[in-house]
Amino acid sequence: MAYVRYKQEEELRYWNQFRTGDENAYACLYQSYVHILYQYCSQFTIDKPLIKDCIHDLFVELWKNRNTIGDTTSVRFYLMASIKRKLVRHLNALQKHTSNEDIPVEYWHIHTASHEHNLIAEEEFDTTNRHLNKAINHLPRRQREAIFLKFYMNMNNQEIADLMKINIQSVYNLVFGALSNLKKNMTLERLTL
């Protein structure tokens, strides 16, 4: 918990330095968040050039408007909310619609330490991972988003509610529903093996 608090304090320091025109702080923010923002946007579309353009545009706008940007209590929340608004505007303008097929299964691959010395354990892990990826890919879009924010981005329920523009009870419902669906799908997968 202390590490998370330190990281947040460090990011707020970079944020405030960037707002005063510090290019190094701006570069640190970019490097810290470009991959996170890319992964987050990948939930909504597989259009990689569009995602890259939106992230680029966001950071260009941040630099141009640095003197008028206010304080924030969470750099992560500010950037994720900003990129989501920007991407949704572009997708709406292009009249694209997201679907379950928009998220590649490989994106949800969970990276853990390799079990090189135990081939059976590694094979079991890979099988479980494939089933989990498949189960996550079949969740409704809003449940996938809530799971991603909760477990991959470590956001609290209030941050998720604010970002998704829903009430906190809806966050609980989405996460509970997603976990129930995952459990059911993972159990069914095991039974069919």
N, C-alpha and C. Protein backbone atom coordinates (compact mmCIF):
# COMPACT_ATOMS: atom_id res chain seq x y z
N MET A 1 0.82 -1.19 0.00
CA MET A 1 0.00 0.00 0.00
C MET A 1 0.87 1.26 0.00
N ALA A 2 2.00 1.20 0.73
CA ALA A 2 2.89 2.35 0.79
C ALA A 2 3.48 2.65 -0.58
N TYR A 3 3.77 1.57 -1.37
CA TYR A 3 4.31 1.76 -2.71
C TYR A 3 3.30 2.49 -3.60
N VAL A 4 2.03 2.08 -3.52
CA VAL A 4 0.98 2.71 -4.32
C VAL A 4 0.86 4.18 -3.96
N ARG A 5 0.87 4.49 -2.67
CA ARG A 5 0.79 5.88 -2.22
C ARG A 5 1.99 6.67 -2.72
N TYR A 6 3.20 6.07 -2.65
CA TYR A 6 4.40 6.74 -3.14
C TYR A 6 4.29 7.01 -4.63
N LYS A 7 3.82 6.02 -5.39
CA LYS A 7 3.69 6.18 -6.84
C LYS A 7 2.70 7.30 -7.16
N GLN A 8 1.59 7.35 -6.44
CA GLN A 8 0.60 8.41 -6.67
C GLN A 8 1.20 9.78 -6.36
N GLU A 9 1.94 9.87 -5.26
CA GLU A 9 2.58 11.14 -4.91
C GLU A 9 3.59 11.56 -5.96
N GLU A 10 4.35 10.59 -6.46
CA GLU A 10 5.35 10.87 -7.49
C GLU A 10 4.66 11.36 -8.77
N GLU A 11 3.57 10.70 -9.16
CA GLU A 11 2.84 11.11 -10.35
C GLU A 11 2.24 12.49 -10.20
N LEU A 12 1.72 12.81 -9.01
CA LEU A 12 1.18 14.16 -8.77
C LEU A 12 2.28 15.21 -8.85
N ARG A 13 3.47 14.85 -8.37
CA ARG A 13 4.61 15.76 -8.46
C ARG A 13 4.96 16.02 -9.94
N TYR A 14 5.03 14.93 -10.73
CA TYR A 14 5.28 15.08 -12.16
C TYR A 14 4.19 15.92 -12.82
N TRP A 15 2.94 15.67 -12.42
CA TRP A 15 1.79 16.40 -12.99
C TRP A 15 1.95 17.90 -12.76
N ASN A 16 2.25 18.25 -11.52
CA ASN A 16 2.40 19.67 -11.19
C ASN A 16 3.61 20.29 -11.87
N GLN A 17 4.69 19.53 -12.00
CA GLN A 17 5.88 20.04 -12.71
C GLN A 17 5.57 20.21 -14.20
N PHE A 18 4.87 19.25 -14.78
CA PHE A 18 4.48 19.34 -16.19
C PHE A 18 3.63 20.59 -16.43
N ARG A 19 2.72 20.88 -15.50
CA ARG A 19 1.84 22.05 -15.66
C ARG A 19 2.62 23.36 -15.66
N THR A 20 3.81 23.35 -15.08
CA THR A 20 4.64 24.56 -15.08
C THR A 20 5.58 24.59 -16.28
N GLY A 21 5.51 23.57 -17.16
CA GLY A 21 6.31 23.57 -18.39
C GLY A 21 7.52 22.66 -18.34
N ASP A 22 7.65 21.80 -17.34
CA ASP A 22 8.78 20.89 -17.22
C ASP A 22 8.63 19.75 -18.24
N GLU A 23 9.48 19.76 -19.27
CA GLU A 23 9.40 18.76 -20.33
C GLU A 23 9.77 17.37 -19.84
N ASN A 24 10.71 17.28 -18.90
CA ASN A 24 11.09 15.96 -18.37
C ASN A 24 9.92 15.32 -17.62
N ALA A 25 9.21 16.10 -16.83
CA ALA A 25 8.05 15.59 -16.10
C ALA A 25 6.97 15.13 -17.09
N TYR A 26 6.79 15.91 -18.15
CA TYR A 26 5.82 15.57 -19.19
C TYR A 26 6.20 14.23 -19.84
N ALA A 27 7.49 14.06 -20.14
CA ALA A 27 7.97 12.82 -20.74
C ALA A 27 7.77 11.64 -19.79
N CYS A 28 7.99 11.86 -18.51
CA CYS A 28 7.79 10.79 -17.52
C CYS A 28 6.33 10.37 -17.46
N LEU A 29 5.42 11.34 -17.50
CA LEU A 29 3.99 11.02 -17.51
C LEU A 29 3.63 10.22 -18.76
N TYR A 30 4.16 10.65 -19.88
CA TYR A 30 3.88 9.95 -21.14
C TYR A 30 4.37 8.51 -21.06
N GLN A 31 5.62 8.33 -20.64
CA GLN A 31 6.19 6.99 -20.56
C GLN A 31 5.45 6.12 -19.56
N SER A 32 4.98 6.71 -18.48
CA SER A 32 4.27 5.95 -17.46
C SER A 32 2.89 5.49 -17.93
N TYR A 33 2.27 6.27 -18.81
CA TYR A 33 0.86 6.01 -19.13
C TYR A 33 0.56 5.58 -20.55
N VAL A 34 1.49 5.69 -21.47
CA VAL A 34 1.15 5.39 -22.86
C VAL A 34 0.67 3.95 -23.02
N HIS A 35 1.32 3.00 -22.36
CA HIS A 35 0.92 1.60 -22.51
C HIS A 35 -0.40 1.31 -21.78
N ILE A 36 -0.57 1.92 -20.62
CA ILE A 36 -1.82 1.74 -19.87
C ILE A 36 -3.00 2.28 -20.67
N LEU A 37 -2.84 3.46 -21.25
CA LEU A 37 -3.91 4.06 -22.04
C LEU A 37 -4.19 3.23 -23.29
N TYR A 38 -3.13 2.71 -23.90
CA TYR A 38 -3.30 1.88 -25.08
C TYR A 38 -4.10 0.63 -24.74
N GLN A 39 -3.74 -0.03 -23.63
CA GLN A 39 -4.46 -1.23 -23.22
C GLN A 39 -5.92 -0.91 -22.90
N TYR A 40 -6.15 0.19 -22.23
CA TYR A 40 -7.51 0.58 -21.88
C TYR A 40 -8.34 0.81 -23.14
N CYS A 41 -7.79 1.53 -24.10
CA CYS A 41 -8.51 1.82 -25.35
C CYS A 41 -8.76 0.55 -26.15
N SER A 42 -7.89 -0.44 -25.99
CA SER A 42 -8.05 -1.69 -26.73
C SER A 42 -9.32 -2.43 -26.35
N GLN A 43 -9.92 -2.05 -25.25
CA GLN A 43 -11.20 -2.66 -24.87
C GLN A 43 -12.34 -2.19 -25.75
N PHE A 44 -12.18 -1.04 -26.36
CA PHE A 44 -13.27 -0.43 -27.10
C PHE A 44 -13.15 -0.62 -28.61
N THR A 45 -11.94 -0.82 -29.11
CA THR A 45 -11.76 -0.99 -30.54
C THR A 45 -10.43 -1.70 -30.81
N ILE A 46 -10.35 -2.38 -31.95
CA ILE A 46 -9.09 -2.99 -32.35
C ILE A 46 -8.38 -2.10 -33.37
N ASP A 47 -8.91 -0.92 -33.61
CA ASP A 47 -8.33 0.02 -34.56
C ASP A 47 -7.07 0.64 -33.94
N LYS A 48 -5.93 -0.04 -34.10
CA LYS A 48 -4.68 0.40 -33.47
C LYS A 48 -4.25 1.79 -33.90
N PRO A 49 -4.31 2.13 -35.19
CA PRO A 49 -3.93 3.49 -35.58
C PRO A 49 -4.80 4.56 -34.92
N LEU A 50 -6.10 4.29 -34.77
CA LEU A 50 -6.99 5.24 -34.10
C LEU A 50 -6.60 5.40 -32.64
N ILE A 51 -6.31 4.30 -31.97
CA ILE A 51 -5.90 4.36 -30.56
C ILE A 51 -4.63 5.19 -30.43
N LYS A 52 -3.65 4.92 -31.27
CA LYS A 52 -2.38 5.66 -31.21
C LYS A 52 -2.60 7.14 -31.49
N ASP A 53 -3.44 7.45 -32.47
CA ASP A 53 -3.74 8.85 -32.78
C ASP A 53 -4.40 9.55 -31.60
N CYS A 54 -5.34 8.88 -30.96
CA CYS A 54 -6.04 9.49 -29.82
C CYS A 54 -5.07 9.76 -28.67
N ILE A 55 -4.20 8.80 -28.39
CA ILE A 55 -3.22 8.99 -27.31
C ILE A 55 -2.28 10.14 -27.66
N HIS A 56 -1.81 10.16 -28.90
CA HIS A 56 -0.94 11.25 -29.35
C HIS A 56 -1.64 12.59 -29.22
N ASP A 57 -2.88 12.65 -29.71
CA ASP A 57 -3.64 13.91 -29.64
C ASP A 57 -3.85 14.35 -28.19
N LEU A 58 -4.13 13.39 -27.32
CA LEU A 58 -4.34 13.72 -25.90
C LEU A 58 -3.09 14.38 -25.32
N PHE A 59 -1.93 13.79 -25.56
CA PHE A 59 -0.72 14.34 -24.97
C PHE A 59 -0.32 15.67 -25.62
N VAL A 60 -0.60 15.83 -26.90
CA VAL A 60 -0.35 17.12 -27.55
C VAL A 60 -1.26 18.19 -26.92
N GLU A 61 -2.53 17.86 -26.74
CA GLU A 61 -3.46 18.81 -26.13
C GLU A 61 -3.06 19.14 -24.69
N LEU A 62 -2.61 18.13 -23.96
CA LEU A 62 -2.16 18.37 -22.59
C LEU A 62 -1.02 19.39 -22.57
N TRP A 63 -0.06 19.20 -23.47
CA TRP A 63 1.08 20.12 -23.49
C TRP A 63 0.64 21.53 -23.89
N LYS A 64 -0.21 21.62 -24.90
CA LYS A 64 -0.68 22.93 -25.35
C LYS A 64 -1.46 23.66 -24.26
N ASN A 65 -2.23 22.91 -23.47
CA ASN A 65 -3.12 23.50 -22.46
C ASN A 65 -2.56 23.39 -21.05
N ARG A 66 -1.28 23.12 -20.91
CA ARG A 66 -0.69 22.87 -19.59
C ARG A 66 -0.90 24.02 -18.62
N ASN A 67 -0.95 25.24 -19.13
CA ASN A 67 -1.10 26.40 -18.25
C ASN A 67 -2.52 26.55 -17.69
N THR A 68 -3.48 25.93 -18.36
CA THR A 68 -4.88 26.07 -17.91
C THR A 68 -5.43 24.80 -17.27
N ILE A 69 -4.64 23.72 -17.28
CA ILE A 69 -5.08 22.46 -16.67
C ILE A 69 -4.98 22.60 -15.17
N GLY A 70 -6.01 22.13 -14.47
CA GLY A 70 -6.05 22.26 -13.02
C GLY A 70 -5.40 21.10 -12.29
N ASP A 71 -5.49 21.18 -10.97
CA ASP A 71 -5.00 20.10 -10.11
C ASP A 71 -5.85 18.86 -10.32
N THR A 72 -5.30 17.73 -9.94
CA THR A 72 -6.05 16.49 -9.93
C THR A 72 -5.61 15.68 -8.71
N THR A 73 -6.50 14.86 -8.23
CA THR A 73 -6.12 13.98 -7.11
C THR A 73 -5.62 12.63 -7.62
N SER A 74 -5.88 12.34 -8.90
CA SER A 74 -5.44 11.08 -9.50
C SER A 74 -5.09 11.31 -10.96
N VAL A 75 -3.80 11.26 -11.26
CA VAL A 75 -3.34 11.42 -12.65
C VAL A 75 -3.91 10.30 -13.50
N ARG A 76 -3.87 9.08 -12.98
CA ARG A 76 -4.38 7.92 -13.72
C ARG A 76 -5.84 8.12 -14.11
N PHE A 77 -6.67 8.52 -13.14
CA PHE A 77 -8.08 8.73 -13.43
C PHE A 77 -8.26 9.84 -14.47
N TYR A 78 -7.56 10.94 -14.32
CA TYR A 78 -7.68 12.07 -15.23
C TYR A 78 -7.35 11.63 -16.67
N LEU A 79 -6.23 10.91 -16.83
CA LEU A 79 -5.81 10.51 -18.18
C LEU A 79 -6.74 9.45 -18.77
N MET A 80 -7.18 8.51 -17.94
CA MET A 80 -8.06 7.46 -18.45
C MET A 80 -9.43 8.03 -18.83
N ALA A 81 -9.95 8.93 -18.03
CA ALA A 81 -11.23 9.55 -18.37
C ALA A 81 -11.09 10.39 -19.64
N SER A 82 -9.98 11.10 -19.77
CA SER A 82 -9.75 11.95 -20.95
C SER A 82 -9.63 11.12 -22.22
N ILE A 83 -8.87 10.01 -22.14
CA ILE A 83 -8.68 9.21 -23.36
C ILE A 83 -9.98 8.49 -23.73
N LYS A 84 -10.75 8.10 -22.74
CA LYS A 84 -12.02 7.44 -23.06
C LYS A 84 -12.95 8.41 -23.78
N ARG A 85 -13.06 9.65 -23.28
CA ARG A 85 -13.92 10.64 -23.94
C ARG A 85 -13.45 10.87 -25.38
N LYS A 86 -12.16 11.02 -25.56
CA LYS A 86 -11.60 11.29 -26.88
C LYS A 86 -11.86 10.12 -27.83
N LEU A 87 -11.61 8.91 -27.38
CA LEU A 87 -11.80 7.74 -28.22
C LEU A 87 -13.27 7.54 -28.57
N VAL A 88 -14.15 7.69 -27.60
CA VAL A 88 -15.59 7.52 -27.86
C VAL A 88 -16.07 8.57 -28.87
N ARG A 89 -15.58 9.79 -28.74
CA ARG A 89 -15.95 10.83 -29.73
C ARG A 89 -15.52 10.40 -31.14
N HIS A 90 -14.30 9.89 -31.26
CA HIS A 90 -13.81 9.45 -32.58
C HIS A 90 -14.61 8.27 -33.10
N LEU A 91 -14.88 7.31 -32.22
CA LEU A 91 -15.65 6.14 -32.65
C LEU A 91 -17.06 6.53 -33.08
N ASN A 92 -17.67 7.43 -32.33
CA ASN A 92 -19.00 7.89 -32.72
C ASN A 92 -18.96 8.63 -34.04
N ALA A 93 -17.93 9.44 -34.23
CA ALA A 93 -17.80 10.17 -35.49
C ALA A 93 -17.61 9.22 -36.66
N LEU A 94 -16.92 8.14 -36.43
CA LEU A 94 -16.68 7.16 -37.50
C LEU A 94 -17.81 6.14 -37.59
N GLN A 95 -18.80 6.27 -36.69
CA GLN A 95 -19.95 5.37 -36.65
C GLN A 95 -19.53 3.91 -36.52
N LYS A 96 -18.53 3.70 -35.66
CA LYS A 96 -18.10 2.33 -35.38
C LYS A 96 -18.77 1.87 -34.10
N HIS A 97 -19.02 0.60 -34.01
CA HIS A 97 -19.62 0.03 -32.82
C HIS A 97 -18.74 -1.09 -32.32
N THR A 98 -18.56 -1.16 -31.01
CA THR A 98 -17.74 -2.23 -30.44
C THR A 98 -18.57 -3.49 -30.28
N SER A 99 -17.90 -4.61 -30.28
CA SER A 99 -18.55 -5.90 -30.06
C SER A 99 -17.57 -6.81 -29.36
N ASN A 100 -18.01 -7.98 -28.98
CA ASN A 100 -17.12 -8.92 -28.29
C ASN A 100 -15.91 -9.28 -29.13
N GLU A 101 -16.06 -9.26 -30.44
CA GLU A 101 -14.95 -9.64 -31.31
C GLU A 101 -13.86 -8.57 -31.36
N ASP A 102 -14.16 -7.36 -30.87
CA ASP A 102 -13.19 -6.28 -30.94
C ASP A 102 -11.99 -6.46 -30.03
N ILE A 103 -12.10 -7.31 -29.03
CA ILE A 103 -11.00 -7.47 -28.09
C ILE A 103 -10.30 -8.79 -28.37
N PRO A 104 -9.06 -8.73 -28.83
CA PRO A 104 -8.36 -9.98 -29.09
C PRO A 104 -8.11 -10.76 -27.81
N VAL A 105 -8.26 -12.06 -27.89
CA VAL A 105 -8.08 -12.92 -26.72
C VAL A 105 -6.68 -12.74 -26.14
N GLU A 106 -5.67 -12.53 -26.99
CA GLU A 106 -4.29 -12.40 -26.51
C GLU A 106 -4.14 -11.23 -25.55
N TYR A 107 -4.97 -10.21 -25.69
CA TYR A 107 -4.87 -9.04 -24.82
C TYR A 107 -5.06 -9.42 -23.37
N TRP A 108 -5.93 -10.38 -23.11
CA TRP A 108 -6.28 -10.74 -21.74
C TRP A 108 -5.32 -11.77 -21.15
N HIS A 109 -4.30 -12.16 -21.89
CA HIS A 109 -3.34 -13.14 -21.39
C HIS A 109 -2.73 -12.64 -20.09
N ILE A 110 -2.77 -13.46 -19.07
CA ILE A 110 -2.21 -13.08 -17.78
C ILE A 110 -0.78 -13.56 -17.72
N HIS A 111 0.15 -12.62 -17.49
CA HIS A 111 1.57 -12.96 -17.43
C HIS A 111 1.97 -13.27 -15.99
N THR A 112 2.50 -14.45 -15.79
CA THR A 112 3.00 -14.83 -14.48
C THR A 112 4.35 -15.51 -14.66
N ALA A 113 4.99 -15.79 -13.57
CA ALA A 113 6.29 -16.45 -13.63
C ALA A 113 6.14 -17.82 -14.29
N SER A 114 7.14 -18.17 -15.10
CA SER A 114 7.13 -19.45 -15.80
C SER A 114 7.43 -20.60 -14.85
N HIS A 115 6.85 -21.75 -15.12
CA HIS A 115 7.08 -22.98 -14.35
C HIS A 115 7.91 -23.93 -15.23
N GLU A 116 9.13 -23.48 -15.54
CA GLU A 116 9.97 -24.23 -16.49
C GLU A 116 10.32 -25.62 -15.98
N HIS A 117 10.43 -25.79 -14.68
CA HIS A 117 10.88 -27.06 -14.13
C HIS A 117 9.76 -28.06 -13.98
N ASN A 118 8.55 -27.64 -14.23
CA ASN A 118 7.42 -28.56 -14.05
C ASN A 118 6.50 -28.44 -15.25
N LEU A 119 6.74 -29.26 -16.25
CA LEU A 119 6.00 -29.19 -17.51
C LEU A 119 4.50 -29.37 -17.32
N ILE A 120 4.11 -30.22 -16.43
CA ILE A 120 2.68 -30.46 -16.20
C ILE A 120 2.00 -29.21 -15.64
N ALA A 121 2.66 -28.58 -14.67
CA ALA A 121 2.09 -27.37 -14.09
C ALA A 121 1.98 -26.26 -15.13
N GLU A 122 2.99 -26.17 -15.98
CA GLU A 122 2.96 -25.15 -17.03
C GLU A 122 1.83 -25.40 -18.01
N GLU A 123 1.64 -26.65 -18.38
CA GLU A 123 0.57 -26.98 -19.32
C GLU A 123 -0.80 -26.69 -18.70
N GLU A 124 -0.95 -27.02 -17.41
CA GLU A 124 -2.20 -26.75 -16.72
C GLU A 124 -2.46 -25.25 -16.63
N PHE A 125 -1.41 -24.52 -16.34
CA PHE A 125 -1.53 -23.05 -16.28
C PHE A 125 -1.96 -22.49 -17.63
N ASP A 126 -1.33 -22.96 -18.71
CA ASP A 126 -1.67 -22.48 -20.05
C ASP A 126 -3.11 -22.81 -20.41
N THR A 127 -3.55 -24.00 -20.04
CA THR A 127 -4.93 -24.40 -20.32
C THR A 127 -5.91 -23.51 -19.56
N THR A 128 -5.62 -23.29 -18.28
CA THR A 128 -6.48 -22.43 -17.46
C THR A 128 -6.50 -21.01 -18.02
N ASN A 129 -5.35 -20.53 -18.44
CA ASN A 129 -5.25 -19.19 -19.01
C ASN A 129 -6.09 -19.07 -20.28
N ARG A 130 -6.01 -20.07 -21.13
CA ARG A 130 -6.81 -20.04 -22.37
C ARG A 130 -8.30 -19.99 -22.05
N HIS A 131 -8.70 -20.79 -21.07
CA HIS A 131 -10.12 -20.81 -20.68
C HIS A 131 -10.53 -19.48 -20.06
N LEU A 132 -9.67 -18.90 -19.24
CA LEU A 132 -9.97 -17.60 -18.64
C LEU A 132 -10.06 -16.52 -19.71
N ASN A 133 -9.11 -16.52 -20.66
CA ASN A 133 -9.15 -15.55 -21.75
C ASN A 133 -10.44 -15.66 -22.54
N LYS A 134 -10.83 -16.88 -22.82
CA LYS A 134 -12.06 -17.13 -23.57
C LYS A 134 -13.28 -16.66 -22.78
N ALA A 135 -13.29 -16.96 -21.47
CA ALA A 135 -14.41 -16.55 -20.62
C ALA A 135 -14.50 -15.03 -20.52
N ILE A 136 -13.37 -14.35 -20.36
CA ILE A 136 -13.36 -12.88 -20.28
C ILE A 136 -13.83 -12.28 -21.60
N ASN A 137 -13.39 -12.88 -22.69
CA ASN A 137 -13.77 -12.38 -24.01
C ASN A 137 -15.27 -12.48 -24.27
N HIS A 138 -15.95 -13.39 -23.56
CA HIS A 138 -17.39 -13.56 -23.76
C HIS A 138 -18.23 -12.75 -22.78
N LEU A 139 -17.59 -12.02 -21.88
CA LEU A 139 -18.36 -11.16 -20.97
C LEU A 139 -18.97 -10.00 -21.75
N PRO A 140 -20.09 -9.48 -21.29
CA PRO A 140 -20.61 -8.25 -21.89
C PRO A 140 -19.58 -7.12 -21.74
N ARG A 141 -19.58 -6.18 -22.66
CA ARG A 141 -18.57 -5.12 -22.71
C ARG A 141 -18.44 -4.37 -21.40
N ARG A 142 -19.53 -4.02 -20.76
CA ARG A 142 -19.47 -3.23 -19.51
C ARG A 142 -18.85 -4.06 -18.38
N GLN A 143 -19.15 -5.35 -18.34
CA GLN A 143 -18.54 -6.21 -17.33
C GLN A 143 -17.04 -6.33 -17.57
N ARG A 144 -16.65 -6.48 -18.85
CA ARG A 144 -15.20 -6.55 -19.18
C ARG A 144 -14.50 -5.29 -18.73
N GLU A 145 -15.12 -4.13 -18.99
CA GLU A 145 -14.52 -2.86 -18.62
C GLU A 145 -14.35 -2.76 -17.10
N ALA A 146 -15.39 -3.15 -16.37
CA ALA A 146 -15.33 -3.08 -14.91
C ALA A 146 -14.26 -4.00 -14.36
N ILE A 147 -14.16 -5.21 -14.90
CA ILE A 147 -13.13 -6.16 -14.46
C ILE A 147 -11.74 -5.62 -14.77
N PHE A 148 -11.57 -5.06 -15.96
CA PHE A 148 -10.26 -4.50 -16.34
C PHE A 148 -9.86 -3.39 -15.37
N LEU A 149 -10.77 -2.48 -15.11
CA LEU A 149 -10.46 -1.36 -14.22
C LEU A 149 -10.19 -1.83 -12.80
N LYS A 150 -10.96 -2.79 -12.33
CA LYS A 150 -10.85 -3.27 -10.95
C LYS A 150 -9.58 -4.09 -10.74
N PHE A 151 -9.34 -5.06 -11.60
CA PHE A 151 -8.28 -6.02 -11.34
C PHE A 151 -6.99 -5.78 -12.13
N TYR A 152 -7.08 -5.13 -13.27
CA TYR A 152 -5.87 -4.86 -14.04
C TYR A 152 -5.33 -3.45 -13.76
N MET A 153 -6.23 -2.51 -13.47
CA MET A 153 -5.80 -1.13 -13.20
C MET A 153 -5.83 -0.79 -11.71
N ASN A 154 -6.31 -1.72 -10.87
CA ASN A 154 -6.38 -1.53 -9.42
C ASN A 154 -7.13 -0.26 -9.01
N MET A 155 -8.18 0.07 -9.72
CA MET A 155 -8.99 1.23 -9.37
C MET A 155 -10.00 0.83 -8.30
N ASN A 156 -10.33 1.78 -7.43
CA ASN A 156 -11.35 1.48 -6.43
C ASN A 156 -12.74 1.67 -7.06
N ASN A 157 -13.76 1.22 -6.33
CA ASN A 157 -15.12 1.22 -6.89
C ASN A 157 -15.61 2.63 -7.22
N GLN A 158 -15.26 3.62 -6.41
CA GLN A 158 -15.71 4.98 -6.69
C GLN A 158 -15.05 5.52 -7.97
N GLU A 159 -13.77 5.22 -8.17
CA GLU A 159 -13.09 5.65 -9.40
C GLU A 159 -13.71 4.99 -10.61
N ILE A 160 -14.05 3.71 -10.48
CA ILE A 160 -14.68 2.99 -11.59
C ILE A 160 -16.05 3.61 -11.89
N ALA A 161 -16.81 3.89 -10.86
CA ALA A 161 -18.14 4.50 -11.03
C ALA A 161 -18.02 5.84 -11.75
N ASP A 162 -17.06 6.67 -11.32
CA ASP A 162 -16.87 7.98 -11.95
C ASP A 162 -16.45 7.83 -13.41
N LEU A 163 -15.51 6.92 -13.67
CA LEU A 163 -15.00 6.75 -15.03
C LEU A 163 -16.06 6.20 -15.97
N MET A 164 -16.84 5.24 -15.48
CA MET A 164 -17.87 4.62 -16.32
C MET A 164 -19.18 5.40 -16.31
N LYS A 165 -19.24 6.46 -15.47
CA LYS A 165 -20.43 7.31 -15.36
C LYS A 165 -21.65 6.50 -14.92
N ILE A 166 -21.44 5.70 -13.87
CA ILE A 166 -22.51 4.91 -13.28
C ILE A 166 -22.42 5.08 -11.76
N ASN A 167 -23.46 4.62 -11.05
CA ASN A 167 -23.40 4.73 -9.59
C ASN A 167 -22.60 3.55 -9.03
N ILE A 168 -22.20 3.68 -7.78
CA ILE A 168 -21.32 2.68 -7.18
C ILE A 168 -21.99 1.31 -7.07
N GLN A 169 -23.31 1.28 -6.85
CA GLN A 169 -24.02 0.00 -6.80
C GLN A 169 -23.93 -0.72 -8.14
N SER A 170 -23.97 0.04 -9.22
CA SER A 170 -23.83 -0.58 -10.55
C SER A 170 -22.45 -1.19 -10.73
N VAL A 171 -21.42 -0.56 -10.15
CA VAL A 171 -20.07 -1.13 -10.20
C VAL A 171 -20.07 -2.48 -9.49
N TYR A 172 -20.65 -2.51 -8.27
CA TYR A 172 -20.72 -3.77 -7.53
C TYR A 172 -21.44 -4.83 -8.36
N ASN A 173 -22.55 -4.43 -8.97
CA ASN A 173 -23.33 -5.37 -9.78
C ASN A 173 -22.54 -5.88 -10.97
N LEU A 174 -21.84 -4.98 -11.67
CA LEU A 174 -21.05 -5.38 -12.84
C LEU A 174 -19.93 -6.34 -12.45
N VAL A 175 -19.20 -5.99 -11.38
CA VAL A 175 -18.08 -6.84 -10.96
C VAL A 175 -18.60 -8.19 -10.47
N PHE A 176 -19.65 -8.17 -9.65
CA PHE A 176 -20.21 -9.42 -9.15
C PHE A 176 -20.73 -10.27 -10.32
N GLY A 177 -21.44 -9.63 -11.25
CA GLY A 177 -21.95 -10.36 -12.42
C GLY A 177 -20.83 -10.94 -13.25
N ALA A 178 -19.77 -10.16 -13.45
CA ALA A 178 -18.63 -10.64 -14.25
C ALA A 178 -17.96 -11.82 -13.57
N LEU A 179 -17.74 -11.71 -12.26
CA LEU A 179 -17.09 -12.81 -11.54
C LEU A 179 -17.96 -14.06 -11.53
N SER A 180 -19.28 -13.87 -11.40
CA SER A 180 -20.20 -15.02 -11.45
C SER A 180 -20.16 -15.68 -12.82
N ASN A 181 -20.17 -14.86 -13.87
CA ASN A 181 -20.11 -15.41 -15.23
C ASN A 181 -18.79 -16.13 -15.47
N LEU A 182 -17.69 -15.54 -14.99
CA LEU A 182 -16.38 -16.18 -15.17
C LEU A 182 -16.34 -17.52 -14.44
N LYS A 183 -16.83 -17.53 -13.22
CA LYS A 183 -16.83 -18.77 -12.45
C LYS A 183 -17.66 -19.83 -13.15
N LYS A 184 -18.85 -19.45 -13.61
CA LYS A 184 -19.73 -20.40 -14.30
C LYS A 184 -19.06 -20.90 -15.59
N ASN A 185 -18.50 -20.00 -16.38
CA ASN A 185 -17.88 -20.39 -17.64
C ASN A 185 -16.62 -21.23 -17.43
N MET A 186 -15.84 -20.89 -16.41
CA MET A 186 -14.64 -21.65 -16.12
C MET A 186 -15.01 -23.05 -15.63
N THR A 187 -16.08 -23.18 -14.84
CA THR A 187 -16.55 -24.49 -14.36
C THR A 187 -17.04 -25.32 -15.53
N LEU A 188 -17.81 -24.71 -16.44
CA LEU A 188 -18.30 -25.42 -17.61
C LEU A 188 -17.15 -25.90 -18.48
N GLU A 189 -16.11 -25.06 -18.65
CA GLU A 189 -14.95 -25.43 -19.44
C GLU A 189 -14.28 -26.67 -18.85
N ARG A 190 -14.12 -26.68 -17.51
CA ARG A 190 -13.47 -27.81 -16.85
C ARG A 190 -14.28 -29.10 -17.05
N LEU A 191 -15.61 -28.97 -16.99
CA LEU A 191 -16.47 -30.15 -17.14
C LEU A 191 -16.41 -30.73 -18.54
N THR A 192 -16.17 -29.87 -19.53
CA THR A 192 -16.15 -30.33 -20.92
C THR A 192 -14.78 -30.86 -21.34
N LEU A 193 -13.79 -30.75 -20.46
CA LEU A 193 -12.44 -31.23 -20.82
C LEU A 193 -12.39 -32.72 -20.87
